[in-house]
Amino acid sequence: MLEQYWNAVQQKVCVRCIDGDRHGNCRLSPQFQCGLKEHFSKVVHVVQTTHSDNILDYVTALRREVCTHCNEQTSDGRCYVRNMLDCPLDRYFPLIIGAIKEIRQMELSH
């Protein structure tokens, strides 16, 4: 199931990512792992379990469920990567939510 979500995200998000090749392929240096890819199962869980029309509710859940487990965030909740606008989760989160919800809706309608 995660594969379907990942494919949807690649088609909607990765093609727009500044770290990509505009075809959904990542161009990050091998020494860096894409935060979206690294935490993808948790991101899907956040989107599936948050039910709100307010993006801030999703962001709060993301911070609680994903960011607290990320090596880039300090114990006091600060994140240099996020503050520099280099976190793909933060940068593309609305698109990520949309891609996952679209697949989820298709699942529920079948």
PDB file of N, CA and C in Angstrom:
ATOM      1  N   MET A   1       0.821  -1.194   0.000  1.00  0.00           N
ATOM      2  CA  MET A   1       0.000   0.000   0.000  1.00  0.00           C
ATOM      3  C   MET A   1       0.871   1.266   0.000  1.00  0.00           C
ATOM      4  N   LEU A   2       1.952   1.260   0.750  1.00  0.00           N
ATOM      5  CA  LEU A   2       2.828   2.435   0.774  1.00  0.00           C
ATOM      6  C   LEU A   2       3.355   2.762  -0.615  1.00  0.00           C
ATOM      7  N   GLU A   3       3.529   1.735  -1.420  1.00  0.00           N
ATOM      8  CA  GLU A   3       4.051   1.959  -2.774  1.00  0.00           C
ATOM      9  C   GLU A   3       3.102   2.834  -3.601  1.00  0.00           C
ATOM     10  N   GLN A   4       1.801   2.605  -3.464  1.00  0.00           N
ATOM     11  CA  GLN A   4       0.826   3.428  -4.185  1.00  0.00           C
ATOM     12  C   GLN A   4       0.919   4.882  -3.726  1.00  0.00           C
ATOM     13  N   TYR A   5       1.026   5.076  -2.430  1.00  0.00           N
ATOM     14  CA  TYR A   5       1.153   6.433  -1.899  1.00  0.00           C
ATOM     15  C   TYR A   5       2.440   7.078  -2.393  1.00  0.00           C
ATOM     16  N   TRP A   6       3.532   6.307  -2.357  1.00  0.00           N
ATOM     17  CA  TRP A   6       4.821   6.851  -2.800  1.00  0.00           C
ATOM     18  C   TRP A   6       4.778   7.233  -4.280  1.00  0.00           C
ATOM     19  N   ASN A   7       4.169   6.387  -5.100  1.00  0.00           N
ATOM     20  CA  ASN A   7       4.058   6.704  -6.527  1.00  0.00           C
ATOM     21  C   ASN A   7       3.266   7.990  -6.746  1.00  0.00           C
ATOM     22  N   ALA A   8       2.195   8.163  -5.990  1.00  0.00           N
ATOM     23  CA  ALA A   8       1.388   9.380  -6.102  1.00  0.00           C
ATOM     24  C   ALA A   8       2.184  10.610  -5.689  1.00  0.00           C
ATOM     25  N   VAL A   9       2.954  10.474  -4.623  1.00  0.00           N
ATOM     26  CA  VAL A   9       3.773  11.594  -4.151  1.00  0.00           C
ATOM     27  C   VAL A   9       4.855  11.920  -5.173  1.00  0.00           C
ATOM     28  N   GLN A  10       5.459  10.906  -5.751  1.00  0.00           N
ATOM     29  CA  GLN A  10       6.477  11.161  -6.773  1.00  0.00           C
ATOM     30  C   GLN A  10       5.880  11.927  -7.953  1.00  0.00           C
ATOM     31  N   GLN A  11       4.670  11.567  -8.341  1.00  0.00           N
ATOM     32  CA  GLN A  11       4.034  12.219  -9.484  1.00  0.00           C
ATOM     33  C   GLN A  11       3.590  13.640  -9.178  1.00  0.00           C
ATOM     34  N   LYS A  12       3.197  13.908  -7.940  1.00  0.00           N
ATOM     35  CA  LYS A  12       2.670  15.232  -7.591  1.00  0.00           C
ATOM     36  C   LYS A  12       3.695  16.135  -6.926  1.00  0.00           C
ATOM     37  N   VAL A  13       4.639  15.543  -6.210  1.00  0.00           N
ATOM     38  CA  VAL A  13       5.564  16.330  -5.396  1.00  0.00           C
ATOM     39  C   VAL A  13       6.991  16.272  -5.930  1.00  0.00           C
ATOM     40  N   CYS A  14       7.499  15.075  -6.105  1.00  0.00           N
ATOM     41  CA  CYS A  14       8.905  14.930  -6.489  1.00  0.00           C
ATOM     42  C   CYS A  14       9.216  15.591  -7.832  1.00  0.00           C
ATOM     43  N   VAL A  15       8.241  15.628  -8.729  1.00  0.00           N
ATOM     44  CA  VAL A  15       8.467  16.287 -10.015  1.00  0.00           C
ATOM     45  C   VAL A  15       8.632  17.801  -9.849  1.00  0.00           C
ATOM     46  N   ARG A  16       8.183  18.339  -8.732  1.00  0.00           N
ATOM     47  CA  ARG A  16       8.300  19.777  -8.472  1.00  0.00           C
ATOM     48  C   ARG A  16       9.448  20.118  -7.518  1.00  0.00           C
ATOM     49  N   CYS A  17      10.025  19.116  -6.924  1.00  0.00           N
ATOM     50  CA  CYS A  17      11.037  19.329  -5.896  1.00  0.00           C
ATOM     51  C   CYS A  17      12.292  19.986  -6.488  1.00  0.00           C
ATOM     52  N   ILE A  18      12.815  20.949  -5.774  1.00  0.00           N
ATOM     53  CA  ILE A  18      14.023  21.636  -6.236  1.00  0.00           C
ATOM     54  C   ILE A  18      15.250  20.726  -6.203  1.00  0.00           C
ATOM     55  N   ASP A  19      15.150  19.619  -5.475  1.00  0.00           N
ATOM     56  CA  ASP A  19      16.248  18.652  -5.406  1.00  0.00           C
ATOM     57  C   ASP A  19      16.068  17.513  -6.402  1.00  0.00           C
ATOM     58  N   GLY A  20      15.089  17.638  -7.283  1.00  0.00           N
ATOM     59  CA  GLY A  20      14.808  16.578  -8.243  1.00  0.00           C
ATOM     60  C   GLY A  20      15.181  16.966  -9.658  1.00  0.00           C
ATOM     61  N   ASP A  21      14.951  16.022 -10.564  1.00  0.00           N
ATOM     62  CA  ASP A  21      15.298  16.240 -11.970  1.00  0.00           C
ATOM     63  C   ASP A  21      14.074  16.595 -12.827  1.00  0.00           C
ATOM     64  N   ARG A  22      12.974  16.939 -12.184  1.00  0.00           N
ATOM     65  CA  ARG A  22      11.702  17.293 -12.834  1.00  0.00           C
ATOM     66  C   ARG A  22      10.978  16.083 -13.431  1.00  0.00           C
ATOM     67  N   HIS A  23      11.524  14.882 -13.185  1.00  0.00           N
ATOM     68  CA  HIS A  23      10.891  13.648 -13.634  1.00  0.00           C
ATOM     69  C   HIS A  23      10.567  12.744 -12.444  1.00  0.00           C
ATOM     70  N   GLY A  24      10.723  13.274 -11.230  1.00  0.00           N
ATOM     71  CA  GLY A  24      10.427  12.505 -10.023  1.00  0.00           C
ATOM     72  C   GLY A  24      11.616  11.797  -9.418  1.00  0.00           C
ATOM     73  N   ASN A  25      12.781  11.989 -10.008  1.00  0.00           N
ATOM     74  CA  ASN A  25      13.997  11.350  -9.502  1.00  0.00           C
ATOM     75  C   ASN A  25      14.787  12.334  -8.642  1.00  0.00           C
ATOM     76  N   CYS A  26      15.260  11.851  -7.522  1.00  0.00           N
ATOM     77  CA  CYS A  26      15.992  12.695  -6.582  1.00  0.00           C
ATOM     78  C   CYS A  26      17.440  12.890  -7.044  1.00  0.00           C
ATOM     79  N   ARG A  27      17.914  14.115  -6.891  1.00  0.00           N
ATOM     80  CA  ARG A  27      19.303  14.428  -7.234  1.00  0.00           C
ATOM     81  C   ARG A  27      20.114  14.779  -5.993  1.00  0.00           C
ATOM     82  N   LEU A  28      19.585  14.466  -4.812  1.00  0.00           N
ATOM     83  CA  LEU A  28      20.352  14.730  -3.603  1.00  0.00           C
ATOM     84  C   LEU A  28      21.632  13.903  -3.609  1.00  0.00           C
ATOM     85  N   SER A  29      22.652  14.459  -3.035  1.00  0.00           N
ATOM     86  CA  SER A  29      23.912  13.752  -2.892  1.00  0.00           C
ATOM     87  C   SER A  29      23.670  12.474  -2.082  1.00  0.00           C
ATOM     88  N   PRO A  30      24.385  11.394  -2.395  1.00  0.00           N
ATOM     89  CA  PRO A  30      24.194  10.130  -1.653  1.00  0.00           C
ATOM     90  C   PRO A  30      24.396  10.264  -0.138  1.00  0.00           C
ATOM     91  N   GLN A  31      25.099  11.301   0.291  1.00  0.00           N
ATOM     92  CA  GLN A  31      25.314  11.480   1.730  1.00  0.00           C
ATOM     93  C   GLN A  31      24.082  12.039   2.436  1.00  0.00           C
ATOM     94  N   PHE A  32      23.099  12.507   1.675  1.00  0.00           N
ATOM     95  CA  PHE A  32      21.872  13.040   2.249  1.00  0.00           C
ATOM     96  C   PHE A  32      20.702  12.133   1.906  1.00  0.00           C
ATOM     97  N   GLN A  33      19.835  11.949   2.862  1.00  0.00           N
ATOM     98  CA  GLN A  33      18.613  11.185   2.645  1.00  0.00           C
ATOM     99  C   GLN A  33      17.442  12.159   2.615  1.00  0.00           C
ATOM    100  N   CYS A  34      16.589  12.036   1.657  1.00  0.00           N
ATOM    101  CA  CYS A  34      15.389  12.870   1.587  1.00  0.00           C
ATOM    102  C   CYS A  34      14.535  12.591   2.819  1.00  0.00           C
ATOM    103  N   GLY A  35      14.210  13.642   3.558  1.00  0.00           N
ATOM    104  CA  GLY A  35      13.393  13.493   4.758  1.00  0.00           C
ATOM    105  C   GLY A  35      12.034  12.897   4.465  1.00  0.00           C
ATOM    106  N   LEU A  36      11.479  13.235   3.318  1.00  0.00           N
ATOM    107  CA  LEU A  36      10.187  12.675   2.936  1.00  0.00           C
ATOM    108  C   LEU A  36      10.290  11.169   2.755  1.00  0.00           C
ATOM    109  N   LYS A  37      11.298  10.744   2.028  1.00  0.00           N
ATOM    110  CA  LYS A  37      11.469   9.316   1.781  1.00  0.00           C
ATOM    111  C   LYS A  37      11.820   8.574   3.071  1.00  0.00           C
ATOM    112  N   GLU A  38      12.671   9.172   3.866  1.00  0.00           N
ATOM    113  CA  GLU A  38      13.133   8.543   5.099  1.00  0.00           C
ATOM    114  C   GLU A  38      11.985   8.317   6.092  1.00  0.00           C
ATOM    115  N   HIS A  39      11.059   9.246   6.162  1.00  0.00           N
ATOM    116  CA  HIS A  39       9.973   9.182   7.149  1.00  0.00           C
ATOM    117  C   HIS A  39       8.613   8.935   6.507  1.00  0.00           C
ATOM    118  N   PHE A  40       8.602   8.378   5.305  1.00  0.00           N
ATOM    119  CA  PHE A  40       7.370   8.326   4.536  1.00  0.00           C
ATOM    120  C   PHE A  40       6.241   7.563   5.227  1.00  0.00           C
ATOM    121  N   SER A  41       6.525   6.434   5.823  1.00  0.00           N
ATOM    122  CA  SER A  41       5.443   5.665   6.458  1.00  0.00           C
ATOM    123  C   SER A  41       4.799   6.466   7.586  1.00  0.00           C
ATOM    124  N   LYS A  42       5.584   7.220   8.319  1.00  0.00           N
ATOM    125  CA  LYS A  42       5.035   8.062   9.394  1.00  0.00           C
ATOM    126  C   LYS A  42       4.228   9.220   8.811  1.00  0.00           C
ATOM    127  N   VAL A  43       4.683   9.756   7.700  1.00  0.00           N
ATOM    128  CA  VAL A  43       3.955  10.851   7.041  1.00  0.00           C
ATOM    129  C   VAL A  43       2.583  10.356   6.582  1.00  0.00           C
ATOM    130  N   VAL A  44       2.544   9.180   5.983  1.00  0.00           N
ATOM    131  CA  VAL A  44       1.273   8.604   5.542  1.00  0.00           C
ATOM    132  C   VAL A  44       0.354   8.420   6.742  1.00  0.00           C
ATOM    133  N   HIS A  45       0.897   7.915   7.830  1.00  0.00           N
ATOM    134  CA  HIS A  45       0.096   7.726   9.044  1.00  0.00           C
ATOM    135  C   HIS A  45      -0.481   9.056   9.539  1.00  0.00           C
ATOM    136  N   VAL A  46       0.327  10.104   9.536  1.00  0.00           N
ATOM    137  CA  VAL A  46      -0.141  11.423   9.958  1.00  0.00           C
ATOM    138  C   VAL A  46      -1.304  11.877   9.093  1.00  0.00           C
ATOM    139  N   VAL A  47      -1.173  11.742   7.795  1.00  0.00           N
ATOM    140  CA  VAL A  47      -2.228  12.201   6.886  1.00  0.00           C
ATOM    141  C   VAL A  47      -3.495  11.358   7.060  1.00  0.00           C
ATOM    142  N   GLN A  48      -3.331  10.066   7.234  1.00  0.00           N
ATOM    143  CA  GLN A  48      -4.497   9.190   7.373  1.00  0.00           C
ATOM    144  C   GLN A  48      -5.233   9.374   8.700  1.00  0.00           C
ATOM    145  N   THR A  49      -4.531   9.795   9.728  1.00  0.00           N
ATOM    146  CA  THR A  49      -5.156   9.877  11.052  1.00  0.00           C
ATOM    147  C   THR A  49      -5.527  11.298  11.471  1.00  0.00           C
ATOM    148  N   THR A  50      -5.190  12.270  10.666  1.00  0.00           N
ATOM    149  CA  THR A  50      -5.568  13.651  10.960  1.00  0.00           C
ATOM    150  C   THR A  50      -6.786  13.997  10.120  1.00  0.00           C
ATOM    151  N   HIS A  51      -7.823  14.422  10.779  1.00  0.00           N
ATOM    152  CA  HIS A  51      -9.073  14.743  10.080  1.00  0.00           C
ATOM    153  C   HIS A  51      -9.427  16.189  10.394  1.00  0.00           C
ATOM    154  N   SER A  52      -9.060  17.065   9.478  1.00  0.00           N
ATOM    155  CA  SER A  52      -9.269  18.488   9.707  1.00  0.00           C
ATOM    156  C   SER A  52      -9.245  19.220   8.374  1.00  0.00           C
ATOM    157  N   ASP A  53      -9.873  20.374   8.348  1.00  0.00           N
ATOM    158  CA  ASP A  53      -9.790  21.253   7.191  1.00  0.00           C
ATOM    159  C   ASP A  53      -8.699  22.301   7.388  1.00  0.00           C
ATOM    160  N   ASN A  54      -8.048  22.252   8.543  1.00  0.00           N
ATOM    161  CA  ASN A  54      -7.028  23.238   8.897  1.00  0.00           C
ATOM    162  C   ASN A  54      -5.640  22.621   8.739  1.00  0.00           C
ATOM    163  N   ILE A  55      -4.842  23.164   7.849  1.00  0.00           N
ATOM    164  CA  ILE A  55      -3.489  22.654   7.599  1.00  0.00           C
ATOM    165  C   ILE A  55      -2.636  22.661   8.861  1.00  0.00           C
ATOM    166  N   LEU A  56      -2.902  23.593   9.763  1.00  0.00           N
ATOM    167  CA  LEU A  56      -2.117  23.665  11.000  1.00  0.00           C
ATOM    168  C   LEU A  56      -2.286  22.416  11.858  1.00  0.00           C
ATOM    169  N   ASP A  57      -3.440  21.772  11.778  1.00  0.00           N
ATOM    170  CA  ASP A  57      -3.631  20.517  12.509  1.00  0.00           C
ATOM    171  C   ASP A  57      -2.732  19.418  11.939  1.00  0.00           C
ATOM    172  N   TYR A  58      -2.581  19.404  10.638  1.00  0.00           N
ATOM    173  CA  TYR A  58      -1.680  18.444   9.998  1.00  0.00           C
ATOM    174  C   TYR A  58      -0.219  18.747  10.351  1.00  0.00           C
ATOM    175  N   VAL A  59       0.126  20.018  10.350  1.00  0.00           N
ATOM    176  CA  VAL A  59       1.498  20.412  10.684  1.00  0.00           C
ATOM    177  C   VAL A  59       1.813  20.045  12.134  1.00  0.00           C
ATOM    178  N   THR A  60       0.876  20.274  13.028  1.00  0.00           N
ATOM    179  CA  THR A  60       1.072  19.906  14.434  1.00  0.00           C
ATOM    180  C   THR A  60       1.308  18.405  14.558  1.00  0.00           C
ATOM    181  N   ALA A  61       0.509  17.615  13.860  1.00  0.00           N
ATOM    182  CA  ALA A  61       0.677  16.161  13.884  1.00  0.00           C
ATOM    183  C   ALA A  61       2.013  15.755  13.264  1.00  0.00           C
ATOM    184  N   LEU A  62       2.408  16.421  12.193  1.00  0.00           N
ATOM    185  CA  LEU A  62       3.700  16.143  11.560  1.00  0.00           C
ATOM    186  C   LEU A  62       4.841  16.400  12.536  1.00  0.00           C
ATOM    187  N   ARG A  63       4.794  17.527  13.199  1.00  0.00           N
ATOM    188  CA  ARG A  63       5.850  17.857  14.170  1.00  0.00           C
ATOM    189  C   ARG A  63       5.912  16.807  15.283  1.00  0.00           C
ATOM    190  N   ARG A  64       4.744  16.401  15.766  1.00  0.00           N
ATOM    191  CA  ARG A  64       4.668  15.458  16.880  1.00  0.00           C
ATOM    192  C   ARG A  64       5.075  14.044  16.463  1.00  0.00           C
ATOM    193  N   GLU A  65       4.622  13.587  15.306  1.00  0.00           N
ATOM    194  CA  GLU A  65       4.804  12.190  14.906  1.00  0.00           C
ATOM    195  C   GLU A  65       6.043  11.926  14.056  1.00  0.00           C
ATOM    196  N   VAL A  66       6.517  12.953  13.367  1.00  0.00           N
ATOM    197  CA  VAL A  66       7.636  12.746  12.444  1.00  0.00           C
ATOM    198  C   VAL A  66       8.866  13.545  12.875  1.00  0.00           C
ATOM    199  N   CYS A  67       8.699  14.833  13.036  1.00  0.00           N
ATOM    200  CA  CYS A  67       9.849  15.692  13.317  1.00  0.00           C
ATOM    201  C   CYS A  67      10.569  15.309  14.608  1.00  0.00           C
ATOM    202  N   THR A  68       9.834  14.839  15.600  1.00  0.00           N
ATOM    203  CA  THR A  68      10.471  14.442  16.864  1.00  0.00           C
ATOM    204  C   THR A  68      11.397  13.244  16.687  1.00  0.00           C
ATOM    205  N   HIS A  69      11.235  12.504  15.585  1.00  0.00           N
ATOM    206  CA  HIS A  69      12.087  11.341  15.314  1.00  0.00           C
ATOM    207  C   HIS A  69      13.180  11.642  14.296  1.00  0.00           C
ATOM    208  N   CYS A  70      13.221  12.851  13.804  1.00  0.00           N
ATOM    209  CA  CYS A  70      14.196  13.230  12.787  1.00  0.00           C
ATOM    210  C   CYS A  70      15.498  13.663  13.447  1.00  0.00           C
ATOM    211  N   ASN A  71      16.594  13.233  12.879  1.00  0.00           N
ATOM    212  CA  ASN A  71      17.915  13.584  13.419  1.00  0.00           C
ATOM    213  C   ASN A  71      18.236  15.066  13.285  1.00  0.00           C
ATOM    214  N   GLU A  72      17.535  15.761  12.412  1.00  0.00           N
ATOM    215  CA  GLU A  72      17.813  17.179  12.183  1.00  0.00           C
ATOM    216  C   GLU A  72      17.198  18.078  13.250  1.00  0.00           C
ATOM    217  N   GLN A  73      16.190  17.587  13.956  1.00  0.00           N
ATOM    218  CA  GLN A  73      15.532  18.402  14.975  1.00  0.00           C
ATOM    219  C   GLN A  73      16.219  18.205  16.314  1.00  0.00           C
ATOM    220  N   THR A  74      16.436  19.300  17.021  1.00  0.00           N
ATOM    221  CA  THR A  74      17.056  19.230  18.343  1.00  0.00           C
ATOM    222  C   THR A  74      16.006  18.864  19.385  1.00  0.00           C
ATOM    223  N   SER A  75      16.461  18.525  20.569  1.00  0.00           N
ATOM    224  CA  SER A  75      15.544  18.111  21.632  1.00  0.00           C
ATOM    225  C   SER A  75      14.582  19.218  22.046  1.00  0.00           C
ATOM    226  N   ASP A  76      14.937  20.475  21.768  1.00  0.00           N
ATOM    227  CA  ASP A  76      14.037  21.585  22.119  1.00  0.00           C
ATOM    228  C   ASP A  76      13.120  21.973  20.952  1.00  0.00           C
ATOM    229  N   GLY A  77      13.098  21.147  19.897  1.00  0.00           N
ATOM    230  CA  GLY A  77      12.157  21.343  18.795  1.00  0.00           C
ATOM    231  C   GLY A  77      12.647  22.229  17.663  1.00  0.00           C
ATOM    232  N   ARG A  78      13.887  22.680  17.736  1.00  0.00           N
ATOM    233  CA  ARG A  78      14.417  23.517  16.655  1.00  0.00           C
ATOM    234  C   ARG A  78      14.974  22.625  15.549  1.00  0.00           C
ATOM    235  N   CYS A  79      14.837  23.109  14.328  1.00  0.00           N
ATOM    236  CA  CYS A  79      15.340  22.356  13.186  1.00  0.00           C
ATOM    237  C   CYS A  79      15.998  23.322  12.214  1.00  0.00           C
ATOM    238  N   TYR A  80      17.285  23.188  12.056  1.00  0.00           N
ATOM    239  CA  TYR A  80      18.036  24.040  11.148  1.00  0.00           C
ATOM    240  C   TYR A  80      17.572  23.835   9.708  1.00  0.00           C
ATOM    241  N   VAL A  81      17.355  22.590   9.325  1.00  0.00           N
ATOM    242  CA  VAL A  81      16.940  22.279   7.958  1.00  0.00           C
ATOM    243  C   VAL A  81      15.586  22.923   7.663  1.00  0.00           C
ATOM    244  N   ARG A  82      14.655  22.787   8.580  1.00  0.00           N
ATOM    245  CA  ARG A  82      13.332  23.389   8.405  1.00  0.00           C
ATOM    246  C   ARG A  82      13.430  24.910   8.376  1.00  0.00           C
ATOM    247  N   ASN A  83      14.233  25.477   9.253  1.00  0.00           N
ATOM    248  CA  ASN A  83      14.382  26.931   9.304  1.00  0.00           C
ATOM    249  C   ASN A  83      15.024  27.505   8.048  1.00  0.00           C
ATOM    250  N   MET A  84      15.842  26.717   7.371  1.00  0.00           N
ATOM    251  CA  MET A  84      16.484  27.155   6.132  1.00  0.00           C
ATOM    252  C   MET A  84      15.616  26.836   4.907  1.00  0.00           C
ATOM    253  N   LEU A  85      14.403  26.358   5.155  1.00  0.00           N
ATOM    254  CA  LEU A  85      13.449  25.986   4.102  1.00  0.00           C
ATOM    255  C   LEU A  85      13.975  24.860   3.221  1.00  0.00           C
ATOM    256  N   ASP A  86      14.791  23.982   3.810  1.00  0.00           N
ATOM    257  CA  ASP A  86      15.357  22.864   3.072  1.00  0.00           C
ATOM    258  C   ASP A  86      14.696  21.532   3.388  1.00  0.00           C
ATOM    259  N   CYS A  87      13.676  21.532   4.222  1.00  0.00           N
ATOM    260  CA  CYS A  87      12.992  20.291   4.562  1.00  0.00           C
ATOM    261  C   CYS A  87      11.872  20.040   3.554  1.00  0.00           C
ATOM    262  N   PRO A  88      11.975  18.949   2.792  1.00  0.00           N
ATOM    263  CA  PRO A  88      10.931  18.683   1.810  1.00  0.00           C
ATOM    264  C   PRO A  88       9.571  18.412   2.447  1.00  0.00           C
ATOM    265  N   LEU A  89       9.575  17.880   3.660  1.00  0.00           N
ATOM    266  CA  LEU A  89       8.303  17.658   4.348  1.00  0.00           C
ATOM    267  C   LEU A  89       7.591  18.980   4.592  1.00  0.00           C
ATOM    268  N   ASP A  90       8.333  19.933   5.041  1.00  0.00           N
ATOM    269  CA  ASP A  90       7.757  21.246   5.323  1.00  0.00           C
ATOM    270  C   ASP A  90       7.414  21.982   4.025  1.00  0.00           C
ATOM    271  N   ARG A  91       8.320  21.972   3.108  1.00  0.00           N
ATOM    272  CA  ARG A  91       8.179  22.729   1.858  1.00  0.00           C
ATOM    273  C   ARG A  91       7.000  22.249   1.023  1.00  0.00           C
ATOM    274  N   TYR A  92       6.797  20.950   0.971  1.00  0.00           N
ATOM    275  CA  TYR A  92       5.793  20.376   0.083  1.00  0.00           C
ATOM    276  C   TYR A  92       4.638  19.695   0.821  1.00  0.00           C
ATOM    277  N   PHE A  93       4.502  19.954   2.104  1.00  0.00           N
ATOM    278  CA  PHE A  93       3.510  19.217   2.888  1.00  0.00           C
ATOM    279  C   PHE A  93       2.088  19.322   2.339  1.00  0.00           C
ATOM    280  N   PRO A  94       1.614  20.488   1.924  1.00  0.00           N
ATOM    281  CA  PRO A  94       0.253  20.527   1.353  1.00  0.00           C
ATOM    282  C   PRO A  94       0.101  19.623   0.117  1.00  0.00           C
ATOM    283  N   LEU A  95       1.118  19.582  -0.737  1.00  0.00           N
ATOM    284  CA  LEU A  95       1.069  18.701  -1.911  1.00  0.00           C
ATOM    285  C   LEU A  95       1.113  17.229  -1.499  1.00  0.00           C
ATOM    286  N   ILE A  96       1.908  16.939  -0.483  1.00  0.00           N
ATOM    287  CA  ILE A  96       2.022  15.571   0.030  1.00  0.00           C
ATOM    288  C   ILE A  96       0.668  15.115   0.570  1.00  0.00           C
ATOM    289  N   ILE A  97       0.038  15.973   1.356  1.00  0.00           N
ATOM    290  CA  ILE A  97      -1.285  15.657   1.911  1.00  0.00           C
ATOM    291  C   ILE A  97      -2.268  15.377   0.777  1.00  0.00           C
ATOM    292  N   GLY A  98      -2.284  16.239  -0.224  1.00  0.00           N
ATOM    293  CA  GLY A  98      -3.202  16.070  -1.346  1.00  0.00           C
ATOM    294  C   GLY A  98      -2.988  14.764  -2.085  1.00  0.00           C
ATOM    295  N   ALA A  99      -1.736  14.405  -2.326  1.00  0.00           N
ATOM    296  CA  ALA A  99      -1.438  13.164  -3.056  1.00  0.00           C
ATOM    297  C   ALA A  99      -1.882  11.942  -2.265  1.00  0.00           C
ATOM    298  N   ILE A 100      -1.617  11.940  -0.969  1.00  0.00           N
ATOM    299  CA  ILE A 100      -2.000  10.799  -0.129  1.00  0.00           C
ATOM    300  C   ILE A 100      -3.514  10.704  -0.004  1.00  0.00           C
ATOM    301  N   LYS A 101      -4.163  11.848   0.197  1.00  0.00           N
ATOM    302  CA  LYS A 101      -5.628  11.846   0.322  1.00  0.00           C
ATOM    303  C   LYS A 101      -6.298  11.388  -0.970  1.00  0.00           C
ATOM    304  N   GLU A 102      -5.734  11.737  -2.087  1.00  0.00           N
ATOM    305  CA  GLU A 102      -6.300  11.328  -3.371  1.00  0.00           C
ATOM    306  C   GLU A 102      -6.299   9.807  -3.504  1.00  0.00           C
ATOM    307  N   ILE A 103      -5.190   9.184  -3.158  1.00  0.00           N
ATOM    308  CA  ILE A 103      -5.104   7.720  -3.209  1.00  0.00           C
ATOM    309  C   ILE A 103      -6.037   7.109  -2.178  1.00  0.00           C
ATOM    310  N   ARG A 104      -6.088   7.693  -1.006  1.00  0.00           N
ATOM    311  CA  ARG A 104      -6.961   7.201   0.069  1.00  0.00           C
ATOM    312  C   ARG A 104      -8.429   7.250  -0.377  1.00  0.00           C
ATOM    313  N   GLN A 105      -8.833   8.309  -1.027  1.00  0.00           N
ATOM    314  CA  GLN A 105     -10.208   8.434  -1.519  1.00  0.00           C
ATOM    315  C   GLN A 105     -10.506   7.361  -2.556  1.00  0.00           C
ATOM    316  N   MET A 106      -9.557   7.093  -3.416  1.00  0.00           N
ATOM    317  CA  MET A 106      -9.748   6.054  -4.433  1.00  0.00           C
ATOM    318  C   MET A 106      -9.909   4.681  -3.763  1.00  0.00           C
ATOM    319  N   GLU A 107      -9.132   4.433  -2.706  1.00  0.00           N
ATOM    320  CA  GLU A 107      -9.240   3.168  -1.967  1.00  0.00           C
ATOM    321  C   GLU A 107     -10.622   3.031  -1.344  1.00  0.00           C
ATOM    322  N   LEU A 108     -11.099   4.089  -0.731  1.00  0.00           N
ATOM    323  CA  LEU A 108     -12.371   4.049  -0.027  1.00  0.00           C
ATOM    324  C   LEU A 108     -13.558   3.917  -0.970  1.00  0.00           C
ATOM    325  N   SER A 109     -13.396   4.407  -2.194  1.00  0.00           N
ATOM    326  CA  SER A 109     -14.511   4.347  -3.140  1.00  0.00           C
ATOM    327  C   SER A 109     -14.622   2.994  -3.844  1.00  0.00           C
ATOM    328  N   HIS A 110     -13.632   2.138  -3.676  1.00  0.00           N
ATOM    329  CA  HIS A 110     -13.685   0.813  -4.310  1.00  0.00           C
ATOM    330  C   HIS A 110     -14.186  -0.236  -3.368  1.00  0.00           C
TER     331      HIS A 110
END
